């Protein structure tokens, strides 16, 4: 049953292998807790509720618990679709409320001396390009890793991005970023051997991977900003917040980020309001 569910996630839902594996692990953990055979169907909502309480009592974060509930909801929708059950026991389960946390972003002034951080060699140019693509396009880490040389349309100054659930979108790039990519590609030709398809490569000419991108971003953000979170996603938050602060339309930002609905994008309006509130308090004589 779980093997068929995995195929459903990968082939029909078009989830990434990472998400599919995580969902299967969540379901397996429930079965381990209940100590029943994975081919049996747990239809008692009280059992699932007890498992959620057990997770919370063992200091599993609300974010992780909600992810597990999401996995179960998807699993039971699949079972209904297969006519194995009539209703989902998750219908009676309420997810733990998450505290609202605004996305952290890098102040524009922190980018003033940004270009001085990188050595003048292939590694430095590559690392700079990683930061600049993430900040100037707002794409996700996984989307950056999946970029290949054919993804770049230099004539129209745009890149083709393969997003979540294999959805493609077109993101514009600046003349400056197009020139940086061309400069980097010329440096690549100096390597003894290198992958001919992937855009971003390691020093050994191999395609980059998750932890490589994360370490690179954290290394340079630590040198340029004092904000607490320093990750590739921070640059995505920064991209969206800077656009909104400078008058971009929220719907346009939604399309650039590849969000499926506007509610996911609206969180950035809170950051903008915080900035306006701060300016108001500083500027108004009666504030």
Protein backbone atom coordinates (compact mmCIF):
# COMPACT_ATOMS: atom_id res chain seq x y z
CA UNK A 1 0.00 0.00 0.00
CA UNK A 2 2.78 2.44 0.91
CA UNK A 3 4.71 1.59 -2.27
CA UNK A 4 1.65 2.44 -4.35
CA UNK A 5 1.22 5.65 -2.37
CA UNK A 6 4.84 6.57 -3.12
CA UNK A 7 4.22 6.09 -6.86
CA UNK A 8 1.12 8.27 -6.53
CA UNK A 9 3.15 11.07 -4.92
CA UNK A 10 5.91 10.93 -7.51
CA UNK A 11 3.94 10.30 -10.68
CA UNK A 12 0.53 11.87 -10.13
CA UNK A 13 1.09 14.53 -7.49
CA UNK A 14 4.55 15.16 -8.97
CA UNK A 15 6.08 15.75 -5.56
CA UNK A 16 9.86 15.78 -5.32
CA UNK A 17 11.62 12.61 -4.16
CA UNK A 18 12.63 14.49 -0.98
CA UNK A 19 9.01 15.35 -0.10
CA UNK A 20 7.78 11.87 -1.02
CA UNK A 21 10.34 10.17 1.22
CA UNK A 22 9.50 12.56 4.09
CA UNK A 23 5.77 11.81 3.75
CA UNK A 24 6.38 8.05 3.76
CA UNK A 25 8.56 8.31 6.87
CA UNK A 26 5.82 10.28 8.64
CA UNK A 27 3.24 7.59 7.87
CA UNK A 28 5.63 4.80 8.87
CA UNK A 29 6.19 6.55 12.21
CA UNK A 30 2.45 6.46 12.88
CA UNK A 31 2.34 2.74 12.12
CA UNK A 32 5.34 2.13 14.39
CA UNK A 33 3.58 4.02 17.18
CA UNK A 34 0.38 2.00 16.77
CA UNK A 35 2.38 -1.20 16.11
CA UNK A 36 0.26 -2.47 13.26
CA UNK A 37 1.10 -3.89 9.86
CA UNK A 38 1.59 -1.17 7.18
CA UNK A 39 -1.02 -2.94 5.00
CA UNK A 40 -3.70 -2.27 7.59
CA UNK A 41 -5.67 0.96 7.54
CA UNK A 42 -5.80 3.07 10.71
CA UNK A 43 -9.23 4.66 10.62
CA UNK A 44 -9.67 5.67 14.27
CA UNK A 45 -9.17 9.43 14.67
CA UNK A 46 -8.53 8.97 18.42
CA UNK A 47 -5.45 6.87 17.67
CA UNK A 48 -4.08 9.56 15.39
CA UNK A 49 -4.91 12.27 17.93
CA UNK A 50 -3.05 10.31 20.64
CA UNK A 51 -0.04 10.05 18.34
CA UNK A 52 -0.05 13.81 17.79
CA UNK A 53 -0.22 14.39 21.55
CA UNK A 54 2.67 11.95 21.98
CA UNK A 55 4.75 13.92 19.46
CA UNK A 56 4.01 17.22 21.17
CA UNK A 57 4.87 15.79 24.59
CA UNK A 58 8.21 14.66 23.19
CA UNK A 59 9.09 18.20 22.13
CA UNK A 60 8.51 17.72 18.41
CA UNK A 61 8.00 21.21 16.98
CA UNK A 62 4.57 22.37 15.82
CA UNK A 63 5.99 22.90 12.35
CA UNK A 64 7.11 19.26 12.14
CA UNK A 65 3.84 17.98 13.60
CA UNK A 66 1.87 19.98 11.02
CA UNK A 67 4.05 18.53 8.27
CA UNK A 68 3.21 15.02 9.51
CA UNK A 69 -0.50 15.87 9.60
CA UNK A 70 -0.23 17.17 6.04
CA UNK A 71 1.38 13.87 4.99
CA UNK A 72 -1.45 11.92 6.62
CA UNK A 73 -4.11 14.07 4.98
CA UNK A 74 -2.57 13.36 1.59
CA UNK A 75 -2.37 9.65 2.43
CA UNK A 76 -6.01 9.38 3.45
CA UNK A 77 -7.18 11.34 0.41
CA UNK A 78 -5.32 8.74 -1.63
CA UNK A 79 -7.06 5.91 0.24
CA UNK A 80 -10.47 7.50 -0.40
CA UNK A 81 -9.58 7.83 -4.08
CA UNK A 82 -8.73 4.13 -4.14
CA UNK A 83 -12.12 3.31 -2.50
CA UNK A 84 -10.33 1.76 0.47
CA UNK A 85 -12.05 4.05 2.99
CA UNK A 86 -15.14 6.27 2.87
CA UNK A 87 -13.91 9.21 4.96
CA UNK A 88 -10.67 10.49 6.43
CA UNK A 89 -10.09 10.27 10.20
CA UNK A 90 -8.09 13.49 9.75
CA UNK A 91 -11.38 15.36 9.25
CA UNK A 92 -11.73 15.38 13.04
CA UNK A 93 -8.11 16.44 13.68
CA UNK A 94 -7.17 20.09 14.21
CA UNK A 95 -3.59 21.06 13.40
CA UNK A 96 -1.59 22.88 16.11
CA UNK A 97 -1.65 26.63 15.58
CA UNK A 98 1.65 28.04 14.40
CA UNK A 99 2.92 31.34 15.81
CA UNK A 100 3.16 33.98 13.10
CA UNK A 101 6.78 34.59 12.21
CA UNK A 102 7.76 37.20 9.69
CA UNK A 103 10.39 36.17 7.14
CA UNK A 104 13.80 37.71 7.81
CA UNK A 105 15.35 39.73 5.03
CA UNK A 106 18.65 41.53 4.43
CA UNK A 107 18.55 45.35 4.53
CA UNK A 108 19.39 46.95 1.19
CA UNK A 109 22.35 48.79 2.72
CA UNK A 110 24.04 45.47 3.58
CA UNK A 111 24.62 44.90 -0.13
CA UNK A 112 26.77 48.06 -0.48
CA UNK A 113 30.14 46.30 -0.20
CA UNK A 114 28.90 42.93 -1.36
CA UNK A 115 31.15 42.55 -4.42
CA UNK A 116 34.35 43.06 -2.41
CA UNK A 117 33.83 39.77 -0.55
CA UNK A 118 34.74 37.43 -3.41
CA UNK A 119 38.21 36.38 -4.62
CA UNK A 120 39.01 36.99 -8.29
CA UNK A 121 39.05 33.37 -9.46
CA UNK A 122 36.61 30.70 -10.64
CA UNK A 123 35.42 29.85 -7.10
CA UNK A 124 34.88 33.49 -6.21
CA UNK A 125 33.00 34.24 -9.41
CA UNK A 126 30.87 31.12 -8.96
CA UNK A 127 30.06 31.94 -5.33
CA UNK A 128 29.15 35.51 -6.25
CA UNK A 129 26.90 34.23 -9.03
CA UNK A 130 25.11 31.88 -6.61
CA UNK A 131 24.28 34.80 -4.29
CA UNK A 132 23.31 37.11 -7.14
CA UNK A 133 21.03 34.63 -8.92
CA UNK A 134 19.20 33.86 -5.67
CA UNK A 135 18.84 37.54 -4.77
CA UNK A 136 18.11 38.94 -8.25
CA UNK A 137 15.59 36.25 -9.26
CA UNK A 138 14.14 34.96 -5.97
CA UNK A 139 14.34 31.34 -7.10
CA UNK A 140 14.59 28.47 -4.61
CA UNK A 141 17.78 26.56 -3.81
CA UNK A 142 16.50 23.44 -5.61
CA UNK A 143 15.59 25.55 -8.65
CA UNK A 144 19.09 27.01 -8.75
CA UNK A 145 20.65 23.53 -8.62
CA UNK A 146 18.42 22.40 -11.52
CA UNK A 147 19.42 25.29 -13.77
CA UNK A 148 21.37 24.17 -16.82
CA UNK A 149 23.03 26.08 -19.64
CA UNK A 150 19.89 25.80 -21.77
CA UNK A 151 17.85 27.47 -19.00
CA UNK A 152 19.34 30.87 -19.85
CA UNK A 153 17.84 32.91 -22.69
CA UNK A 154 20.39 35.67 -23.19
CA UNK A 155 18.51 37.26 -26.10
CA UNK A 156 15.34 37.88 -24.09
CA UNK A 157 17.14 38.24 -20.72
CA UNK A 158 15.21 35.53 -18.93
CA UNK A 159 15.64 32.10 -17.36
CA UNK A 160 13.39 29.06 -17.44
CA UNK A 161 12.90 27.69 -13.91
CA UNK A 162 11.63 24.23 -12.99
CA UNK A 163 9.72 24.75 -9.75
CA UNK A 164 7.70 22.64 -7.32
CA UNK A 165 5.69 19.80 -8.86
CA UNK A 166 7.69 20.23 -12.07
CA UNK A 167 5.97 23.51 -12.92
CA UNK A 168 7.92 25.72 -15.29
CA UNK A 169 7.98 29.49 -15.09
CA UNK A 170 9.93 32.26 -16.79
CA UNK A 171 11.83 34.74 -14.64
CA UNK A 172 13.44 37.90 -16.10
CA UNK A 173 17.08 38.72 -15.41
CA UNK A 174 18.93 42.02 -15.58
CA UNK A 175 21.56 42.88 -18.18
CA UNK A 176 24.09 42.83 -15.36
CA UNK A 177 23.18 39.28 -14.28
CA UNK A 178 23.26 38.05 -17.89
CA UNK A 179 26.78 39.50 -18.24
CA UNK A 180 27.84 37.82 -14.98
CA UNK A 181 26.62 34.45 -16.23
CA UNK A 182 28.51 34.90 -19.51
CA UNK A 183 31.65 35.87 -17.62
CA UNK A 184 31.29 32.82 -15.39
CA UNK A 185 30.73 30.53 -18.41
CA UNK A 186 33.99 31.77 -19.93
CA UNK A 187 35.79 30.90 -16.67
CA UNK A 188 34.25 27.41 -16.79
CA UNK A 189 35.98 26.72 -20.09
CA UNK A 190 39.29 26.98 -18.26
CA UNK A 191 38.53 23.92 -16.13
CA UNK A 192 40.22 20.68 -17.17
CA UNK A 193 36.90 18.85 -17.27
CA UNK A 194 33.41 19.95 -16.39
CA UNK A 195 29.77 18.92 -16.67
CA UNK A 196 28.49 20.29 -19.98
CA UNK A 197 24.84 20.61 -18.88
CA UNK A 198 24.68 22.03 -15.34
CA UNK A 199 25.07 25.80 -14.95
CA UNK A 200 26.56 25.98 -11.45
CA UNK A 201 29.56 23.71 -10.84
CA UNK A 202 31.93 22.80 -8.01
CA UNK A 203 35.66 23.42 -8.31
CA UNK A 204 35.94 19.88 -9.71
CA UNK A 205 33.48 20.63 -12.49
CA UNK A 206 30.61 18.62 -11.01
CA UNK A 207 27.02 19.88 -10.53
CA UNK A 208 26.45 21.58 -7.16
CA UNK A 209 24.16 20.09 -4.51
CA UNK A 210 21.97 21.22 -1.58
CA UNK A 211 24.57 21.44 1.18
CA UNK A 212 27.10 23.12 -1.15
CA UNK A 213 24.67 25.95 -1.91
CA UNK A 214 23.68 26.29 1.74
CA UNK A 215 27.30 26.47 2.98
CA UNK A 216 28.25 28.99 0.31
CA UNK A 217 25.34 31.30 1.06
CA UNK A 218 25.85 31.10 4.82
CA UNK A 219 29.58 31.82 4.45
CA UNK A 220 29.08 35.07 2.55
CA UNK A 221 25.94 36.28 4.30
CA UNK A 222 27.85 35.96 7.58
CA UNK A 223 30.33 38.49 6.21
CA UNK A 224 27.77 40.99 4.93
CA UNK A 225 24.83 41.03 7.36
CA UNK A 226 24.03 40.64 11.04
CA UNK A 227 20.57 39.11 10.64
CA UNK A 228 20.11 35.82 12.46
CA UNK A 229 19.06 33.50 9.64
CA UNK A 230 21.53 33.18 6.79
CA UNK A 231 20.23 30.71 4.23
CA UNK A 232 19.35 30.57 0.52
CA UNK A 233 15.70 31.10 1.46
CA UNK A 234 16.68 34.33 3.22
CA UNK A 235 17.73 35.68 -0.18
CA UNK A 236 14.34 34.66 -1.60
CA UNK A 237 12.63 36.56 1.24
CA UNK A 238 14.93 39.51 0.59
CA UNK A 239 14.12 39.51 -3.14
CA UNK A 240 10.38 39.65 -2.45
CA UNK A 241 10.59 42.21 0.35
CA UNK A 242 12.84 44.60 -1.60
CA UNK A 243 10.51 44.42 -4.61
CA UNK A 244 7.47 45.16 -2.45
CA UNK A 245 9.23 47.98 -0.59
CA UNK A 246 10.07 49.59 -3.93
CA UNK A 247 6.52 49.51 -5.26
CA UNK A 248 6.20 46.16 -7.06
CA UNK A 249 2.71 44.70 -7.46
CA UNK A 250 1.98 41.77 -5.14
CA UNK A 251 0.54 39.65 -7.97
CA UNK A 252 3.72 40.17 -10.01
CA UNK A 253 5.83 39.03 -7.04
CA UNK A 254 3.59 35.97 -6.71
CA UNK A 255 4.31 35.00 -10.32
CA UNK A 256 8.05 35.62 -9.96
CA UNK A 257 8.23 33.45 -6.84
CA UNK A 258 6.15 30.69 -8.40
CA UNK A 259 3.55 30.70 -5.62
CA UNK A 260 0.34 28.83 -6.46
CA UNK A 261 -1.85 31.33 -4.58
CA UNK A 262 -1.59 34.89 -3.33
CA UNK A 263 -1.88 33.99 0.38
CA UNK A 264 1.66 32.58 0.33
CA UNK A 265 2.97 35.90 -1.00
CA UNK A 266 0.99 38.15 1.35
CA UNK A 267 3.31 37.42 4.27
CA UNK A 268 5.74 39.93 2.75
CA UNK A 269 3.22 42.75 3.18
CA UNK A 270 3.71 42.38 6.94
CA UNK A 271 7.40 43.21 6.59
CA UNK A 272 6.50 46.24 4.50
CA UNK A 273 4.01 47.41 7.12
CA UNK A 274 6.64 46.98 9.84
CA UNK A 275 8.97 49.24 7.85
CA UNK A 276 6.24 51.85 7.34
CA UNK A 277 5.37 51.70 11.02
CA UNK A 278 9.00 52.27 11.98
CA UNK A 279 9.31 55.24 9.60
CA UNK A 280 6.06 56.67 10.95
CA UNK A 281 7.27 56.46 14.56
CA UNK A 282 10.58 58.10 13.66
CA UNK A 283 9.11 60.86 11.52
CA UNK A 284 5.79 61.89 13.05
CA UNK A 285 6.21 64.44 15.88
CA UNK A 286 3.32 62.92 17.87
CA UNK A 287 4.15 59.25 17.23
